[in-house]
Amino acid sequence: MESLQKLLPPRPVAAEFNIDDPAEILHEQTKFHRLTMAGLAKSVARYLHHPAYIARGVAGFNHYDASPVITLPAPTMDIGSLADALSRRKSARQFAHGISSRELSSLLHHAVRVNRYANSNAAPHLKLSFRPYPSPGGLYPTEFYLLINSVEGIAPCIAHYDAREHCLRRLQNQDGKAFSQVEVRSCEDGIDAPLMIVITSVPQRATTKYGARGYRMAMLEAGHASQNLCLAAQGLGLGSLVYGAYYDDELAQLLHIDGVTETVVSVILIGKDMGCVK
């Protein structure tokens, strides 16, 4: 054991705070401290007991009521076991041409759809909605946009997912190549997929309750939702790839969001895995 210990690198020691390191700045600014906790507790209490703040949380989701509805078919209920999905999940690198609209419906239903409702004792007239992933205070700063490239029965478009009604809202048409306009291209060709899910975050939904800590919580929520989508895809026999090769502001412009109050945090490529995986 001692000989093996000598092969390990030395344990990191505390160093001076690096004002130029954005990771250190972010983590430091999102810590809870005893001296400031009392003021933050008042904000948290308002969201638990004040009807106006509870209503703000209930209404905290993007509305595209004027956009055409894309109706989704009934989802497939049986997508296998969680244990099987966990053991088989891997990153796909090459996708077959298309997926069915039922596969799309099933993916969204199991991963991110509203799955239960409850009433608040402080505001019994309001209906609280919950989803199958953790969220800071049930405020759900995460939104889902779909770049539909090759889904049976749905013309290529950019759409927003309504998790309450389980439908899509068509925001704009596209030729199936919209993502290539904002993709980082190097010596390798880009990766085409029949479906690209863009996860965005509206951090203020969480920061108004939890202060700067809410930003960290919002990013964690996006990660939880991302894993749900990857595991649900695996259960449906689809491949997935969490993809980072895009220009953030250009993708935000493509979605017609400002990139600040609502910002892109992740992109997931979905389709039938052709077998080139890592």
C-alpha atoms as a PDB file:
ATOM      1  CA  MET A   1       0.000   0.000   0.000  1.00  0.00           C
ATOM      2  CA  GLU A   2       2.807   2.435   0.838  1.00  0.00           C
ATOM      3  CA  SER A   3       4.516   1.821  -2.498  1.00  0.00           C
ATOM      4  CA  LEU A   4       1.256   2.497  -4.350  1.00  0.00           C
ATOM      5  CA  GLN A   5       0.740   5.689  -2.365  1.00  0.00           C
ATOM      6  CA  LYS A   6       4.080   7.011  -3.586  1.00  0.00           C
ATOM      7  CA  LEU A   7       2.868   6.741  -7.175  1.00  0.00           C
ATOM      8  CA  LEU A   8      -0.071   9.066  -6.564  1.00  0.00           C
ATOM      9  CA  PRO A   9       0.286  12.796  -7.239  1.00  0.00           C
ATOM     10  CA  PRO A  10       0.556  15.051  -4.185  1.00  0.00           C
ATOM     11  CA  ARG A  11      -2.677  16.298  -2.705  1.00  0.00           C
ATOM     12  CA  PRO A  12      -3.598  19.806  -3.846  1.00  0.00           C
ATOM     13  CA  VAL A  13      -3.038  22.535  -1.277  1.00  0.00           C
ATOM     14  CA  ALA A  14      -4.937  25.762  -0.872  1.00  0.00           C
ATOM     15  CA  ALA A  15      -3.552  28.565  -2.985  1.00  0.00           C
ATOM     16  CA  GLU A  16      -4.266  32.261  -3.263  1.00  0.00           C
ATOM     17  CA  PHE A  17      -7.545  33.199  -4.912  1.00  0.00           C
ATOM     18  CA  ASN A  18      -7.003  33.784  -8.635  1.00  0.00           C
ATOM     19  CA  ILE A  19      -9.023  36.835  -9.612  1.00  0.00           C
ATOM     20  CA  ASP A  20      -8.524  35.973 -13.300  1.00  0.00           C
ATOM     21  CA  ASP A  21      -9.973  32.464 -13.051  1.00  0.00           C
ATOM     22  CA  PRO A  22     -13.715  32.609 -13.914  1.00  0.00           C
ATOM     23  CA  ALA A  23     -14.307  29.172 -12.373  1.00  0.00           C
ATOM     24  CA  GLU A  24     -12.958  30.312  -9.004  1.00  0.00           C
ATOM     25  CA  ILE A  25     -14.933  33.561  -9.184  1.00  0.00           C
ATOM     26  CA  LEU A  26     -18.168  31.732 -10.025  1.00  0.00           C
ATOM     27  CA  HIS A  27     -17.835  29.210  -7.211  1.00  0.00           C
ATOM     28  CA  GLU A  28     -16.836  31.839  -4.661  1.00  0.00           C
ATOM     29  CA  GLN A  29     -19.763  34.100  -5.577  1.00  0.00           C
ATOM     30  CA  THR A  30     -22.273  31.262  -5.271  1.00  0.00           C
ATOM     31  CA  LYS A  31     -21.310  30.080  -1.779  1.00  0.00           C
ATOM     32  CA  PHE A  32     -23.602  30.332   1.239  1.00  0.00           C
ATOM     33  CA  HIS A  33     -22.099  32.222   4.210  1.00  0.00           C
ATOM     34  CA  ARG A  34     -23.376  32.494   7.774  1.00  0.00           C
ATOM     35  CA  LEU A  35     -23.113  36.298   7.766  1.00  0.00           C
ATOM     36  CA  THR A  36     -25.402  36.702   4.758  1.00  0.00           C
ATOM     37  CA  MET A  37     -27.757  33.784   5.294  1.00  0.00           C
ATOM     38  CA  ALA A  38     -30.307  35.719   7.332  1.00  0.00           C
ATOM     39  CA  GLY A  39     -31.135  38.060   4.461  1.00  0.00           C
ATOM     40  CA  LEU A  40     -31.339  35.204   2.004  1.00  0.00           C
ATOM     41  CA  ALA A  41     -33.660  33.261   4.310  1.00  0.00           C
ATOM     42  CA  LYS A  42     -36.209  36.091   4.020  1.00  0.00           C
ATOM     43  CA  SER A  43     -36.205  35.724   0.246  1.00  0.00           C
ATOM     44  CA  VAL A  44     -36.680  31.964   0.495  1.00  0.00           C
ATOM     45  CA  ALA A  45     -39.540  32.415   2.978  1.00  0.00           C
ATOM     46  CA  ARG A  46     -41.390  34.743   0.599  1.00  0.00           C
ATOM     47  CA  TYR A  47     -41.476  32.030  -2.069  1.00  0.00           C
ATOM     48  CA  LEU A  48     -42.837  29.568   0.483  1.00  0.00           C
ATOM     49  CA  HIS A  49     -45.515  31.697   2.140  1.00  0.00           C
ATOM     50  CA  HIS A  50     -46.401  34.759   0.021  1.00  0.00           C
ATOM     51  CA  PRO A  51     -49.055  34.093  -2.665  1.00  0.00           C
ATOM     52  CA  ALA A  52     -47.608  36.709  -5.047  1.00  0.00           C
ATOM     53  CA  TYR A  53     -44.185  35.054  -5.017  1.00  0.00           C
ATOM     54  CA  ILE A  54     -45.685  31.580  -5.317  1.00  0.00           C
ATOM     55  CA  ALA A  55     -47.640  32.828  -8.346  1.00  0.00           C
ATOM     56  CA  ARG A  56     -44.397  34.149  -9.838  1.00  0.00           C
ATOM     57  CA  GLY A  57     -42.905  30.683  -9.567  1.00  0.00           C
ATOM     58  CA  VAL A  58     -45.969  29.019 -11.095  1.00  0.00           C
ATOM     59  CA  ALA A  59     -45.838  31.393 -14.083  1.00  0.00           C
ATOM     60  CA  GLY A  60     -42.109  30.934 -14.613  1.00  0.00           C
ATOM     61  CA  PHE A  61     -41.969  29.285 -18.012  1.00  0.00           C
ATOM     62  CA  ASN A  62     -41.654  30.527 -21.576  1.00  0.00           C
ATOM     63  CA  HIS A  63     -44.921  31.113 -23.428  1.00  0.00           C
ATOM     64  CA  TYR A  64     -45.218  30.801 -27.200  1.00  0.00           C
ATOM     65  CA  ASP A  65     -49.004  30.823 -27.380  1.00  0.00           C
ATOM     66  CA  ALA A  66     -49.069  32.587 -30.764  1.00  0.00           C
ATOM     67  CA  SER A  67     -46.875  29.932 -32.399  1.00  0.00           C
ATOM     68  CA  PRO A  68     -48.453  26.972 -34.244  1.00  0.00           C
ATOM     69  CA  VAL A  69     -48.909  23.795 -32.211  1.00  0.00           C
ATOM     70  CA  ILE A  70     -47.240  20.568 -33.282  1.00  0.00           C
ATOM     71  CA  THR A  71     -49.257  17.746 -31.721  1.00  0.00           C
ATOM     72  CA  LEU A  72     -47.246  14.782 -30.477  1.00  0.00           C
ATOM     73  CA  PRO A  73     -48.533  11.190 -30.618  1.00  0.00           C
ATOM     74  CA  ALA A  74     -49.108   9.111 -27.524  1.00  0.00           C
ATOM     75  CA  PRO A  75     -45.773   8.095 -25.987  1.00  0.00           C
ATOM     76  CA  THR A  76     -44.460   4.581 -25.552  1.00  0.00           C
ATOM     77  CA  MET A  77     -44.769   3.644 -21.889  1.00  0.00           C
ATOM     78  CA  ASP A  78     -42.302   0.748 -21.719  1.00  0.00           C
ATOM     79  CA  ILE A  79     -38.714   1.916 -22.227  1.00  0.00           C
ATOM     80  CA  GLY A  80     -36.947  -0.803 -20.235  1.00  0.00           C
ATOM     81  CA  SER A  81     -35.276  -0.641 -16.848  1.00  0.00           C
ATOM     82  CA  LEU A  82     -33.181   2.157 -15.398  1.00  0.00           C
ATOM     83  CA  ALA A  83     -30.416  -0.329 -14.591  1.00  0.00           C
ATOM     84  CA  ASP A  84     -30.211  -1.386 -18.230  1.00  0.00           C
ATOM     85  CA  ALA A  85     -30.145   2.213 -19.467  1.00  0.00           C
ATOM     86  CA  LEU A  86     -27.392   3.122 -17.016  1.00  0.00           C
ATOM     87  CA  SER A  87     -25.246   0.160 -18.008  1.00  0.00           C
ATOM     88  CA  ARG A  88     -25.669   0.665 -21.770  1.00  0.00           C
ATOM     89  CA  ARG A  89     -25.511   4.456 -22.092  1.00  0.00           C
ATOM     90  CA  LYS A  90     -22.659   5.725 -24.245  1.00  0.00           C
ATOM     91  CA  SER A  91     -21.956   8.674 -26.500  1.00  0.00           C
ATOM     92  CA  ALA A  92     -22.958   8.142 -30.123  1.00  0.00           C
ATOM     93  CA  ARG A  93     -20.837   9.730 -32.862  1.00  0.00           C
ATOM     94  CA  GLN A  94     -22.779   8.836 -35.989  1.00  0.00           C
ATOM     95  CA  PHE A  95     -26.533   8.802 -36.419  1.00  0.00           C
ATOM     96  CA  ALA A  96     -28.939   7.198 -38.890  1.00  0.00           C
ATOM     97  CA  HIS A  97     -31.153   9.476 -40.942  1.00  0.00           C
ATOM     98  CA  GLY A  98     -34.343   9.835 -38.914  1.00  0.00           C
ATOM     99  CA  ILE A  99     -36.500   9.000 -35.910  1.00  0.00           C
ATOM    100  CA  SER A 100     -40.265   8.663 -35.544  1.00  0.00           C
ATOM    101  CA  SER A 101     -42.541  11.256 -34.003  1.00  0.00           C
ATOM    102  CA  ARG A 102     -43.564   8.657 -31.424  1.00  0.00           C
ATOM    103  CA  GLU A 103     -39.930   8.206 -30.394  1.00  0.00           C
ATOM    104  CA  LEU A 104     -39.674  11.976 -29.998  1.00  0.00           C
ATOM    105  CA  SER A 105     -42.891  12.091 -27.967  1.00  0.00           C
ATOM    106  CA  SER A 106     -41.728   9.229 -25.739  1.00  0.00           C
ATOM    107  CA  LEU A 107     -38.333  10.835 -25.161  1.00  0.00           C
ATOM    108  CA  LEU A 108     -39.838  14.113 -23.995  1.00  0.00           C
ATOM    109  CA  HIS A 109     -42.601  12.441 -21.993  1.00  0.00           C
ATOM    110  CA  HIS A 110     -40.274  10.310 -19.884  1.00  0.00           C
ATOM    111  CA  ALA A 111     -37.409  12.786 -19.512  1.00  0.00           C
ATOM    112  CA  VAL A 112     -38.847  16.281 -19.057  1.00  0.00           C
ATOM    113  CA  ARG A 113     -42.666  16.376 -19.151  1.00  0.00           C
ATOM    114  CA  VAL A 114     -44.663  17.661 -16.183  1.00  0.00           C
ATOM    115  CA  ASN A 115     -45.520  14.493 -14.264  1.00  0.00           C
ATOM    116  CA  ARG A 116     -47.455  15.681 -11.229  1.00  0.00           C
ATOM    117  CA  TYR A 117     -49.333  18.628  -9.770  1.00  0.00           C
ATOM    118  CA  ALA A 118     -49.853  19.885  -6.231  1.00  0.00           C
ATOM    119  CA  ASN A 119     -51.443  22.801  -4.401  1.00  0.00           C
ATOM    120  CA  SER A 120     -49.663  25.219  -2.099  1.00  0.00           C
ATOM    121  CA  ASN A 121     -51.134  25.646   1.386  1.00  0.00           C
ATOM    122  CA  ALA A 122     -50.258  29.356   1.237  1.00  0.00           C
ATOM    123  CA  ALA A 123     -51.951  29.783  -2.155  1.00  0.00           C
ATOM    124  CA  PRO A 124     -54.445  26.915  -2.627  1.00  0.00           C
ATOM    125  CA  HIS A 125     -55.856  28.495  -5.794  1.00  0.00           C
ATOM    126  CA  LEU A 126     -52.526  27.965  -7.577  1.00  0.00           C
ATOM    127  CA  LYS A 127     -51.511  24.683  -9.153  1.00  0.00           C
ATOM    128  CA  LEU A 128     -47.819  23.793  -8.797  1.00  0.00           C
ATOM    129  CA  SER A 129     -46.351  21.590 -11.519  1.00  0.00           C
ATOM    130  CA  PHE A 130     -43.368  19.279 -11.142  1.00  0.00           C
ATOM    131  CA  ARG A 131     -41.130  17.388 -13.545  1.00  0.00           C
ATOM    132  CA  PRO A 132     -39.025  14.210 -13.328  1.00  0.00           C
ATOM    133  CA  TYR A 133     -35.771  16.012 -12.467  1.00  0.00           C
ATOM    134  CA  PRO A 134     -34.684  18.099  -9.456  1.00  0.00           C
ATOM    135  CA  SER A 135     -35.201  21.859  -9.621  1.00  0.00           C
ATOM    136  CA  PRO A 136     -34.316  24.658  -7.159  1.00  0.00           C
ATOM    137  CA  GLY A 137     -37.529  25.340  -5.279  1.00  0.00           C
ATOM    138  CA  GLY A 138     -39.564  23.871  -8.133  1.00  0.00           C
ATOM    139  CA  LEU A 139     -38.895  27.064 -10.140  1.00  0.00           C
ATOM    140  CA  TYR A 140     -37.661  25.262 -13.284  1.00  0.00           C
ATOM    141  CA  PRO A 141     -35.327  27.774 -14.945  1.00  0.00           C
ATOM    142  CA  THR A 142     -34.630  25.207 -17.705  1.00  0.00           C
ATOM    143  CA  GLU A 143     -36.232  25.431 -21.159  1.00  0.00           C
ATOM    144  CA  PHE A 144     -36.052  23.053 -24.115  1.00  0.00           C
ATOM    145  CA  TYR A 145     -35.765  24.007 -27.785  1.00  0.00           C
ATOM    146  CA  LEU A 146     -35.686  21.414 -30.547  1.00  0.00           C
ATOM    147  CA  LEU A 147     -33.917  21.624 -33.876  1.00  0.00           C
ATOM    148  CA  ILE A 148     -35.970  19.077 -35.767  1.00  0.00           C
ATOM    149  CA  ASN A 149     -34.018  17.908 -38.794  1.00  0.00           C
ATOM    150  CA  SER A 150     -35.443  14.497 -39.683  1.00  0.00           C
ATOM    151  CA  VAL A 151     -38.421  13.408 -37.598  1.00  0.00           C
ATOM    152  CA  GLU A 152     -41.165  11.436 -39.315  1.00  0.00           C
ATOM    153  CA  GLY A 153     -44.302  13.503 -39.840  1.00  0.00           C
ATOM    154  CA  ILE A 154     -42.774  16.832 -38.719  1.00  0.00           C
ATOM    155  CA  ALA A 155     -41.294  19.233 -41.240  1.00  0.00           C
ATOM    156  CA  PRO A 156     -37.822  20.520 -40.323  1.00  0.00           C
ATOM    157  CA  CYS A 157     -38.172  23.410 -37.928  1.00  0.00           C
ATOM    158  CA  ILE A 158     -37.065  24.994 -34.671  1.00  0.00           C
ATOM    159  CA  ALA A 159     -39.593  24.394 -31.926  1.00  0.00           C
ATOM    160  CA  HIS A 160     -40.096  24.904 -28.196  1.00  0.00           C
ATOM    161  CA  TYR A 161     -41.347  22.113 -25.948  1.00  0.00           C
ATOM    162  CA  ASP A 162     -44.374  22.834 -23.762  1.00  0.00           C
ATOM    163  CA  ALA A 163     -43.874  20.455 -20.826  1.00  0.00           C
ATOM    164  CA  ARG A 164     -47.326  21.161 -19.405  1.00  0.00           C
ATOM    165  CA  GLU A 165     -49.327  20.376 -22.534  1.00  0.00           C
ATOM    166  CA  HIS A 166     -46.815  17.891 -24.007  1.00  0.00           C
ATOM    167  CA  CYS A 167     -46.721  19.571 -27.375  1.00  0.00           C
ATOM    168  CA  LEU A 168     -44.310  21.551 -29.506  1.00  0.00           C
ATOM    169  CA  ARG A 169     -44.637  25.142 -30.625  1.00  0.00           C
ATOM    170  CA  ARG A 170     -43.192  25.758 -34.070  1.00  0.00           C
ATOM    171  CA  LEU A 171     -41.049  28.900 -33.838  1.00  0.00           C
ATOM    172  CA  GLN A 172     -39.541  28.959 -37.332  1.00  0.00           C
ATOM    173  CA  ASN A 173     -38.934  26.741 -40.311  1.00  0.00           C
ATOM    174  CA  GLN A 174     -35.454  25.573 -41.258  1.00  0.00           C
ATOM    175  CA  ASP A 175     -33.895  23.325 -43.875  1.00  0.00           C
ATOM    176  CA  GLY A 176     -32.465  20.731 -41.478  1.00  0.00           C
ATOM    177  CA  LYS A 177     -29.049  22.382 -41.510  1.00  0.00           C
ATOM    178  CA  ALA A 178     -29.617  25.305 -39.143  1.00  0.00           C
ATOM    179  CA  PHE A 179     -27.193  24.028 -36.521  1.00  0.00           C
ATOM    180  CA  SER A 180     -24.342  23.879 -39.039  1.00  0.00           C
ATOM    181  CA  GLN A 181     -24.465  27.693 -39.191  1.00  0.00           C
ATOM    182  CA  VAL A 182     -23.455  27.978 -35.527  1.00  0.00           C
ATOM    183  CA  GLU A 183     -21.323  24.847 -35.154  1.00  0.00           C
ATOM    184  CA  VAL A 184     -17.609  25.075 -34.450  1.00  0.00           C
ATOM    185  CA  ARG A 185     -15.892  23.458 -37.426  1.00  0.00           C
ATOM    186  CA  SER A 186     -12.258  22.387 -37.320  1.00  0.00           C
ATOM    187  CA  CYS A 187     -10.442  19.710 -39.263  1.00  0.00           C
ATOM    188  CA  GLU A 188     -13.362  17.356 -38.601  1.00  0.00           C
ATOM    189  CA  ASP A 189     -16.754  17.488 -40.220  1.00  0.00           C
ATOM    190  CA  GLY A 190     -19.693  18.371 -38.017  1.00  0.00           C
ATOM    191  CA  ILE A 191     -22.044  15.704 -36.712  1.00  0.00           C
ATOM    192  CA  ASP A 192     -25.508  15.454 -38.253  1.00  0.00           C
ATOM    193  CA  ALA A 193     -28.381  14.165 -36.154  1.00  0.00           C
ATOM    194  CA  PRO A 194     -32.123  13.955 -36.808  1.00  0.00           C
ATOM    195  CA  LEU A 195     -32.839  15.797 -33.562  1.00  0.00           C
ATOM    196  CA  MET A 196     -30.912  18.373 -31.554  1.00  0.00           C
ATOM    197  CA  ILE A 197     -32.216  19.465 -28.174  1.00  0.00           C
ATOM    198  CA  VAL A 198     -30.937  22.823 -26.972  1.00  0.00           C
ATOM    199  CA  ILE A 199     -31.224  23.261 -23.211  1.00  0.00           C
ATOM    200  CA  THR A 200     -31.368  26.864 -22.076  1.00  0.00           C
ATOM    201  CA  SER A 201     -31.596  28.408 -18.630  1.00  0.00           C
ATOM    202  CA  VAL A 202     -33.355  31.486 -17.268  1.00  0.00           C
ATOM    203  CA  PRO A 203     -31.236  31.857 -14.095  1.00  0.00           C
ATOM    204  CA  GLN A 204     -33.269  34.713 -12.622  1.00  0.00           C
ATOM    205  CA  ARG A 205     -36.082  32.296 -11.850  1.00  0.00           C
ATOM    206  CA  ALA A 206     -33.742  30.755  -9.274  1.00  0.00           C
ATOM    207  CA  THR A 207     -31.539  33.705  -8.296  1.00  0.00           C
ATOM    208  CA  THR A 208     -34.484  35.852  -7.204  1.00  0.00           C
ATOM    209  CA  LYS A 209     -35.111  33.260  -4.474  1.00  0.00           C
ATOM    210  CA  TYR A 210     -31.633  31.899  -3.708  1.00  0.00           C
ATOM    211  CA  GLY A 211     -29.352  34.787  -4.656  1.00  0.00           C
ATOM    212  CA  ALA A 212     -26.188  33.975  -6.594  1.00  0.00           C
ATOM    213  CA  ARG A 213     -26.421  30.377  -5.366  1.00  0.00           C
ATOM    214  CA  GLY A 214     -29.446  30.060  -7.647  1.00  0.00           C
ATOM    215  CA  TYR A 215     -27.163  30.237 -10.678  1.00  0.00           C
ATOM    216  CA  ARG A 216     -25.267  27.157  -9.549  1.00  0.00           C
ATOM    217  CA  MET A 217     -28.588  25.429  -8.864  1.00  0.00           C
ATOM    218  CA  ALA A 218     -29.875  26.320 -12.331  1.00  0.00           C
ATOM    219  CA  MET A 219     -26.820  24.783 -13.985  1.00  0.00           C
ATOM    220  CA  LEU A 220     -27.230  21.630 -11.896  1.00  0.00           C
ATOM    221  CA  GLU A 221     -30.853  21.402 -12.982  1.00  0.00           C
ATOM    222  CA  ALA A 222     -29.811  21.550 -16.631  1.00  0.00           C
ATOM    223  CA  GLY A 223     -27.404  18.685 -15.938  1.00  0.00           C
ATOM    224  CA  HIS A 224     -30.139  16.591 -14.318  1.00  0.00           C
ATOM    225  CA  ALA A 225     -32.440  17.183 -17.294  1.00  0.00           C
ATOM    226  CA  SER A 226     -29.632  16.351 -19.701  1.00  0.00           C
ATOM    227  CA  GLN A 227     -29.018  13.001 -18.007  1.00  0.00           C
ATOM    228  CA  ASN A 228     -32.742  12.234 -18.085  1.00  0.00           C
ATOM    229  CA  LEU A 229     -32.778  12.798 -21.839  1.00  0.00           C
ATOM    230  CA  CYS A 230     -29.714  10.613 -22.394  1.00  0.00           C
ATOM    231  CA  LEU A 231     -31.099   7.749 -20.296  1.00  0.00           C
ATOM    232  CA  ALA A 232     -34.581   7.971 -21.833  1.00  0.00           C
ATOM    233  CA  ALA A 233     -33.002   7.929 -25.290  1.00  0.00           C
ATOM    234  CA  GLN A 234     -31.068   4.804 -24.347  1.00  0.00           C
ATOM    235  CA  GLY A 235     -34.258   3.154 -23.100  1.00  0.00           C
ATOM    236  CA  LEU A 236     -35.891   3.885 -26.456  1.00  0.00           C
ATOM    237  CA  GLY A 237     -32.998   2.357 -28.374  1.00  0.00           C
ATOM    238  CA  LEU A 238     -31.662   5.747 -29.455  1.00  0.00           C
ATOM    239  CA  GLY A 239     -28.178   7.148 -29.197  1.00  0.00           C
ATOM    240  CA  SER A 240     -27.276  10.498 -27.663  1.00  0.00           C
ATOM    241  CA  LEU A 241     -24.338  12.865 -27.564  1.00  0.00           C
ATOM    242  CA  VAL A 242     -23.951  15.860 -25.266  1.00  0.00           C
ATOM    243  CA  TYR A 243     -22.270  18.233 -27.701  1.00  0.00           C
ATOM    244  CA  GLY A 244     -20.272  21.379 -27.004  1.00  0.00           C
ATOM    245  CA  ALA A 245     -18.985  22.500 -30.408  1.00  0.00           C
ATOM    246  CA  TYR A 246     -21.123  25.583 -31.018  1.00  0.00           C
ATOM    247  CA  TYR A 247     -20.842  29.335 -30.790  1.00  0.00           C
ATOM    248  CA  ASP A 248     -23.050  30.280 -27.846  1.00  0.00           C
ATOM    249  CA  ASP A 249     -24.176  33.732 -28.928  1.00  0.00           C
ATOM    250  CA  GLU A 250     -24.851  32.626 -32.501  1.00  0.00           C
ATOM    251  CA  LEU A 251     -26.966  29.719 -31.287  1.00  0.00           C
ATOM    252  CA  ALA A 252     -28.827  32.101 -28.969  1.00  0.00           C
ATOM    253  CA  GLN A 253     -29.542  34.370 -31.945  1.00  0.00           C
ATOM    254  CA  LEU A 254     -30.820  31.386 -33.909  1.00  0.00           C
ATOM    255  CA  LEU A 255     -33.297  30.699 -31.082  1.00  0.00           C
ATOM    256  CA  HIS A 256     -34.143  34.411 -30.733  1.00  0.00           C
ATOM    257  CA  ILE A 257     -33.075  34.552 -27.099  1.00  0.00           C
ATOM    258  CA  ASP A 258     -30.731  37.210 -25.713  1.00  0.00           C
ATOM    259  CA  GLY A 259     -28.023  34.891 -24.390  1.00  0.00           C
ATOM    260  CA  VAL A 260     -27.944  36.676 -21.018  1.00  0.00           C
ATOM    261  CA  THR A 261     -31.295  36.549 -19.230  1.00  0.00           C
ATOM    262  CA  GLU A 262     -31.853  33.288 -21.105  1.00  0.00           C
ATOM    263  CA  THR A 263     -28.730  31.469 -22.170  1.00  0.00           C
ATOM    264  CA  VAL A 264     -27.741  28.220 -23.858  1.00  0.00           C
ATOM    265  CA  VAL A 265     -26.214  25.709 -21.446  1.00  0.00           C
ATOM    266  CA  SER A 266     -26.204  22.396 -23.341  1.00  0.00           C
ATOM    267  CA  VAL A 267     -26.932  20.722 -26.665  1.00  0.00           C
ATOM    268  CA  ILE A 268     -27.873  17.042 -26.991  1.00  0.00           C
ATOM    269  CA  LEU A 269     -27.850  15.202 -30.307  1.00  0.00           C
ATOM    270  CA  ILE A 270     -30.376  12.379 -30.591  1.00  0.00           C
ATOM    271  CA  GLY A 271     -30.843   9.644 -33.171  1.00  0.00           C
ATOM    272  CA  LYS A 272     -30.322   5.979 -33.958  1.00  0.00           C
ATOM    273  CA  ASP A 273     -26.704   5.120 -33.150  1.00  0.00           C
ATOM    274  CA  MET A 274     -24.765   3.895 -36.170  1.00  0.00           C
ATOM    275  CA  GLY A 275     -22.117   2.312 -33.964  1.00  0.00           C
ATOM    276  CA  CYS A 276     -19.275   4.864 -33.954  1.00  0.00           C
ATOM    277  CA  VAL A 277     -19.110   5.487 -30.223  1.00  0.00           C
ATOM    278  CA  LYS A 278     -16.509   6.274 -27.618  1.00  0.00           C
END
